[in-house]
Amino acid sequence: MFPTPIQKRIVPVRALYVVGVILLLIMWLLPMVAIVSTSIRPGSDISSGNYWGIPSRIAIVENYSEVFNPDRSPMLRYFINSTVMTLPAVFFTILFSSMAGFALAVYPFKGRIALYAMFIAGNFIPYQILMIPVRTMFVKFGLFDTIIGLVIFHTAFQSGFATFFLRNFIVELPFSLVESARVEGATEPRIFFSIMIPLLRPALASLGVLLFTFIWNDFFWALTLVQSDKARPITFGLSALKGQWLISWNLIAAGSVVAALPSVVVFFILQKQFIQGLTFGGVKE
């Protein structure tokens, strides 16, 4: 069977494998280690060129409290904006996409394949070509530079991939469950909310982690659809801080850690369901 398990390889190959994995881990983690290390240094270390050495003192509280100081930076506002934007966008994307995926997987209506193909094709459109028409449409409808506009956009923009993902998950479920529920007299909404949603929990959790990461870390559409601090998310606000704090890289690094932390926390909270969702169907008995 291919690939051959590493335990059955000869000793030199196993040693090369271990060395390769360690090198890849170092390369992968090095930027994150550099940012975290910089975020706990005082500004004097950065000025003196002490980037990788032992910090002269630990300035965690000083740096991170400065990041959230409303008199020095609007990072707290940016953080709240990202939270208010991301959570509803993830919720509505999952709700609408699970409904669409259920319809595409269960109901044999005419044009189902063509509609499904449109969801797939939409994922391959370069989003840069959508920038001008989307911006124009948002200005016309009064949604430009508003958080609700970002929620609507991300819900619509992510629904294509989410519907594709959930439809494929629902197709793998036994259709006899739906037929049995119908025989027992359950309505279609009851089948969806009481039978399908509990069965979709691993897929919804893994999709929720992905969507949260995509939307929280979005920079391009925040740059396109937002103009002022009232709706500016943390990713866009972080780039603006380079001019405000100039060479205070310890504060910028602390802000970067704050911006990245929610995605990491969400992943660790849902990691069990995330792995179950990704491995669903990978093992056939």
Protein backbone atom coordinates (compact mmCIF):
# COMPACT_ATOMS: atom_id res chain seq x y z
CA MET A 1 0.00 0.00 0.00
CA PHE A 2 1.20 3.54 -0.78
CA PRO A 3 2.61 5.44 1.04
CA THR A 4 4.75 3.07 3.06
CA PRO A 5 4.59 3.89 6.78
CA ILE A 6 7.73 5.65 7.97
CA GLN A 7 8.18 3.00 10.69
CA LYS A 8 8.85 0.39 7.96
CA ARG A 9 11.50 2.45 6.19
CA ILE A 10 15.23 1.87 6.60
CA VAL A 11 17.06 3.76 9.37
CA PRO A 12 18.68 6.48 7.15
CA VAL A 13 15.29 7.35 5.65
CA ARG A 14 13.68 7.58 9.10
CA ALA A 15 16.50 9.80 10.31
CA LEU A 16 16.18 12.04 7.24
CA TYR A 17 12.43 12.22 7.84
CA VAL A 18 12.88 13.31 11.45
CA VAL A 19 15.46 15.97 10.49
CA GLY A 20 13.19 17.24 7.71
CA VAL A 21 10.19 17.50 10.04
CA ILE A 22 12.23 19.41 12.63
CA LEU A 23 13.56 21.83 10.00
CA LEU A 24 10.07 22.44 8.64
CA LEU A 25 8.73 23.08 12.15
CA ILE A 26 11.51 25.59 12.84
CA MET A 27 10.85 27.38 9.53
CA TRP A 28 7.10 27.40 10.21
CA LEU A 29 7.31 28.60 13.78
CA LEU A 30 10.20 31.06 13.42
CA PRO A 31 8.07 34.09 12.38
CA MET A 32 5.61 33.46 15.21
CA VAL A 33 8.43 33.08 17.74
CA ALA A 34 9.97 36.34 16.48
CA ILE A 35 6.67 38.23 16.85
CA VAL A 36 5.93 36.87 20.32
CA SER A 37 9.51 37.53 21.43
CA THR A 38 9.36 41.09 20.12
CA SER A 39 6.00 41.74 21.78
CA ILE A 40 7.43 41.16 25.28
CA ARG A 41 10.55 43.34 24.86
CA PRO A 42 10.83 46.95 25.96
CA GLY A 43 11.29 49.59 23.29
CA SER A 44 14.89 50.16 24.39
CA ASP A 45 15.81 46.62 23.26
CA ILE A 46 14.44 47.29 19.79
CA SER A 47 16.31 50.61 19.58
CA SER A 48 19.59 48.96 20.57
CA GLY A 49 19.19 46.14 18.06
CA ASN A 50 18.51 43.40 20.59
CA TYR A 51 16.04 41.48 18.43
CA TRP A 52 16.95 37.86 19.24
CA GLY A 53 18.90 38.06 22.49
CA ILE A 54 17.58 37.77 26.01
CA PRO A 55 15.24 40.72 26.78
CA SER A 56 16.69 43.26 29.20
CA ARG A 57 13.33 43.01 31.00
CA ILE A 58 9.91 41.50 30.37
CA ALA A 59 7.45 44.18 29.26
CA ILE A 60 4.31 42.09 28.64
CA VAL A 61 1.93 44.20 30.72
CA GLU A 62 3.44 47.46 29.48
CA ASN A 63 3.23 46.57 25.78
CA TYR A 64 -0.15 44.87 25.76
CA SER A 65 -1.81 47.50 27.95
CA GLU A 66 -0.43 50.16 25.62
CA VAL A 67 -2.03 48.38 22.67
CA PHE A 68 -5.46 48.68 24.31
CA ASN A 69 -4.90 52.20 25.63
CA PRO A 70 -7.68 54.25 23.94
CA ASP A 71 -5.65 57.42 24.38
CA ARG A 72 -2.76 56.02 22.33
CA SER A 73 -4.38 53.75 19.76
CA PRO A 74 -7.82 52.74 18.45
CA MET A 75 -6.96 49.01 18.65
CA LEU A 76 -9.75 48.36 21.15
CA ARG A 77 -12.28 49.80 18.71
CA TYR A 78 -10.79 47.73 15.88
CA PHE A 79 -11.00 44.60 18.02
CA ILE A 80 -14.67 45.25 18.85
CA ASN A 81 -15.41 45.98 15.19
CA SER A 82 -13.87 42.67 14.12
CA THR A 83 -15.82 40.78 16.79
CA VAL A 84 -19.13 42.44 15.92
CA MET A 85 -18.50 41.77 12.23
CA THR A 86 -17.13 38.21 12.37
CA LEU A 87 -19.55 36.43 14.72
CA PRO A 88 -22.79 37.35 12.86
CA ALA A 89 -21.12 36.72 9.48
CA VAL A 90 -20.05 33.21 10.54
CA PHE A 91 -23.49 32.45 12.03
CA PHE A 92 -25.49 33.58 8.98
CA THR A 93 -23.09 31.92 6.54
CA ILE A 94 -23.44 28.58 8.32
CA LEU A 95 -27.23 28.95 8.62
CA PHE A 96 -27.86 29.83 4.98
CA SER A 97 -25.24 27.43 3.60
CA SER A 98 -26.53 24.47 5.60
CA MET A 99 -30.03 25.15 4.24
CA ALA A 100 -28.72 25.44 0.68
CA GLY A 101 -26.53 22.35 1.08
CA PHE A 102 -29.47 20.39 2.48
CA ALA A 103 -31.66 21.38 -0.48
CA LEU A 104 -28.97 20.50 -3.03
CA ALA A 105 -28.26 17.15 -1.39
CA VAL A 106 -31.79 15.96 -0.59
CA TYR A 107 -34.31 17.44 -3.05
CA PRO A 108 -34.12 16.14 -6.66
CA PHE A 109 -35.42 19.35 -8.31
CA LYS A 110 -34.72 20.34 -11.89
CA GLY A 111 -31.51 22.30 -12.37
CA ARG A 112 -29.97 21.05 -9.14
CA ILE A 113 -26.70 20.05 -10.81
CA ALA A 114 -26.44 23.38 -12.62
CA LEU A 115 -27.05 25.29 -9.40
CA TYR A 116 -24.45 23.19 -7.60
CA ALA A 117 -21.99 23.85 -10.45
CA MET A 118 -22.55 27.60 -9.98
CA PHE A 119 -21.60 27.33 -6.31
CA ILE A 120 -18.41 25.50 -7.32
CA ALA A 121 -17.58 27.90 -10.16
CA GLY A 122 -18.02 30.89 -7.90
CA ASN A 123 -15.10 29.73 -5.79
CA PHE A 124 -12.72 30.05 -8.75
CA ILE A 125 -13.50 33.66 -9.64
CA PRO A 126 -10.55 35.95 -8.76
CA TYR A 127 -11.99 38.26 -6.14
CA GLN A 128 -9.90 41.20 -7.36
CA ILE A 129 -12.18 41.58 -10.39
CA LEU A 130 -15.15 41.98 -8.04
CA MET A 131 -13.62 44.91 -6.19
CA ILE A 132 -15.00 47.80 -8.29
CA PRO A 133 -18.57 46.49 -8.85
CA VAL A 134 -18.94 45.46 -5.19
CA ARG A 135 -17.65 48.81 -3.95
CA THR A 136 -19.97 50.67 -6.33
CA MET A 137 -22.96 48.58 -5.25
CA PHE A 138 -22.23 49.15 -1.56
CA VAL A 139 -21.94 52.92 -2.09
CA LYS A 140 -25.23 52.92 -4.00
CA PHE A 141 -27.10 51.02 -1.27
CA GLY A 142 -25.59 52.97 1.63
CA LEU A 143 -23.64 49.97 2.96
CA PHE A 144 -20.18 51.41 2.31
CA ASP A 145 -18.08 51.99 5.43
CA THR A 146 -20.52 50.18 7.73
CA ILE A 147 -20.14 47.05 9.82
CA ILE A 148 -23.49 45.68 8.66
CA GLY A 149 -22.24 46.04 5.10
CA LEU A 150 -19.21 43.90 5.92
CA VAL A 151 -21.45 41.31 7.60
CA ILE A 152 -23.68 41.10 4.51
CA PHE A 153 -20.70 40.94 2.17
CA HIS A 154 -18.82 38.21 4.05
CA THR A 155 -22.02 36.18 4.47
CA ALA A 156 -22.62 36.29 0.73
CA PHE A 157 -18.97 35.87 -0.25
CA GLN A 158 -18.31 32.83 1.96
CA SER A 159 -21.63 31.09 1.24
CA GLY A 160 -20.37 29.56 -2.02
CA PHE A 161 -17.55 27.60 -0.42
CA ALA A 162 -19.63 26.79 2.67
CA THR A 163 -22.53 25.42 0.60
CA PHE A 164 -20.14 23.32 -1.46
CA PHE A 165 -18.54 21.98 1.72
CA LEU A 166 -21.80 21.15 3.52
CA ARG A 167 -23.57 19.70 0.49
CA ASN A 168 -20.78 17.14 0.08
CA PHE A 169 -21.00 16.31 3.77
CA ILE A 170 -24.80 15.83 3.69
CA VAL A 171 -24.61 13.60 0.60
CA GLU A 172 -22.51 11.12 2.60
CA LEU A 173 -25.21 10.80 5.28
CA PRO A 174 -27.74 7.93 4.96
CA PHE A 175 -30.79 9.22 3.07
CA SER A 176 -32.90 6.58 4.86
CA LEU A 177 -32.92 8.90 7.90
CA VAL A 178 -34.79 11.53 5.93
CA GLU A 179 -37.20 8.98 4.45
CA SER A 180 -37.92 7.47 7.86
CA ALA A 181 -38.61 10.90 9.34
CA ARG A 182 -41.00 11.69 6.49
CA VAL A 183 -42.83 8.39 7.05
CA GLU A 184 -43.19 9.32 10.72
CA GLY A 185 -44.82 12.60 9.67
CA ALA A 186 -41.96 15.02 10.37
CA THR A 187 -42.07 18.25 8.41
CA GLU A 188 -39.10 19.38 6.31
CA PRO A 189 -38.03 22.10 8.79
CA ARG A 190 -38.23 19.53 11.60
CA ILE A 191 -36.08 17.11 9.60
CA PHE A 192 -33.53 19.83 8.94
CA PHE A 193 -33.25 21.26 12.46
CA SER A 194 -33.81 18.07 14.52
CA ILE A 195 -32.03 15.46 12.39
CA MET A 196 -29.62 17.11 9.98
CA ILE A 197 -28.17 19.84 12.19
CA PRO A 198 -27.09 17.41 14.99
CA LEU A 199 -25.53 15.09 12.39
CA LEU A 200 -23.72 18.04 10.81
CA ARG A 201 -22.12 19.16 14.06
CA PRO A 202 -18.53 18.06 13.15
CA ALA A 203 -18.82 19.67 9.71
CA LEU A 204 -20.34 22.85 11.13
CA ALA A 205 -17.59 23.10 13.74
CA SER A 206 -14.78 22.65 11.22
CA LEU A 207 -16.47 25.04 8.81
CA GLY A 208 -16.97 27.55 11.62
CA VAL A 209 -13.25 27.52 12.40
CA LEU A 210 -12.35 28.06 8.75
CA LEU A 211 -14.91 30.83 8.26
CA PHE A 212 -13.91 32.59 11.46
CA THR A 213 -10.27 32.55 10.34
CA PHE A 214 -11.10 33.75 6.81
CA ILE A 215 -13.34 36.61 7.95
CA TRP A 216 -11.32 37.69 10.98
CA ASN A 217 -8.09 37.84 8.98
CA ASP A 218 -9.61 39.57 5.95
CA PHE A 219 -7.68 42.63 4.87
CA PHE A 220 -8.47 43.09 1.18
CA TRP A 221 -12.22 43.66 1.53
CA ALA A 222 -11.75 45.82 4.61
CA LEU A 223 -9.46 47.97 2.48
CA THR A 224 -12.09 48.08 -0.28
CA LEU A 225 -15.30 48.58 1.68
CA VAL A 226 -14.19 50.56 4.75
CA GLN A 227 -12.91 54.10 5.00
CA SER A 228 -13.13 55.21 8.65
CA ASP A 229 -12.33 53.88 12.12
CA LYS A 230 -16.01 53.31 12.93
CA ALA A 231 -16.05 50.09 10.85
CA ARG A 232 -12.34 49.35 10.43
CA PRO A 233 -11.45 45.76 11.49
CA ILE A 234 -8.33 44.86 13.42
CA THR A 235 -6.35 43.65 10.40
CA PHE A 236 -6.73 46.94 8.59
CA GLY A 237 -6.21 48.93 11.78
CA LEU A 238 -3.02 47.01 12.51
CA SER A 239 -1.45 48.13 9.26
CA ALA A 240 -2.43 51.73 10.03
CA LEU A 241 -0.57 51.55 13.34
CA LYS A 242 2.79 51.38 11.54
CA GLY A 243 2.56 55.09 10.91
CA GLN A 244 1.21 55.90 14.35
CA TRP A 245 3.84 54.08 16.36
CA LEU A 246 6.53 54.44 13.67
CA ILE A 247 9.41 52.26 14.97
CA SER A 248 7.68 50.84 18.07
CA TRP A 249 7.89 47.32 16.71
CA ASN A 250 7.33 45.84 20.16
CA LEU A 251 3.87 47.48 20.24
CA ILE A 252 3.09 46.48 16.67
CA ALA A 253 4.13 42.90 17.49
CA ALA A 254 1.88 42.96 20.56
CA GLY A 255 -0.98 44.19 18.38
CA SER A 256 -0.27 41.38 15.89
CA VAL A 257 -0.48 38.78 18.65
CA VAL A 258 -3.78 40.27 19.84
CA ALA A 259 -5.11 40.17 16.27
CA ALA A 260 -4.10 36.53 15.76
CA LEU A 261 -5.16 35.22 19.16
CA PRO A 262 -8.95 34.85 18.61
CA SER A 263 -8.48 32.51 15.64
CA VAL A 264 -6.12 30.33 17.67
CA VAL A 265 -8.53 30.25 20.63
CA VAL A 266 -11.48 29.28 18.39
CA PHE A 267 -9.41 26.49 16.84
CA PHE A 268 -8.41 24.99 20.19
CA ILE A 269 -11.99 25.19 21.50
CA LEU A 270 -13.36 23.35 18.45
CA GLN A 271 -10.31 21.26 17.52
CA LYS A 272 -11.97 17.92 18.30
CA GLN A 273 -14.97 18.64 16.06
CA PHE A 274 -12.66 20.28 13.51
CA ILE A 275 -10.61 17.08 13.09
CA GLN A 276 -13.75 14.93 12.99
CA GLY A 277 -15.18 17.11 10.25
CA LEU A 278 -12.02 17.03 8.16
CA THR A 279 -11.59 13.26 8.46
CA PHE A 280 -15.24 12.43 7.82
CA GLY A 281 -15.41 9.87 5.01
CA GLY A 282 -11.67 9.38 5.03
CA VAL A 283 -11.97 5.88 6.50
CA LYS A 284 -14.24 3.29 4.93
CA GLU A 285 -15.08 0.14 6.86
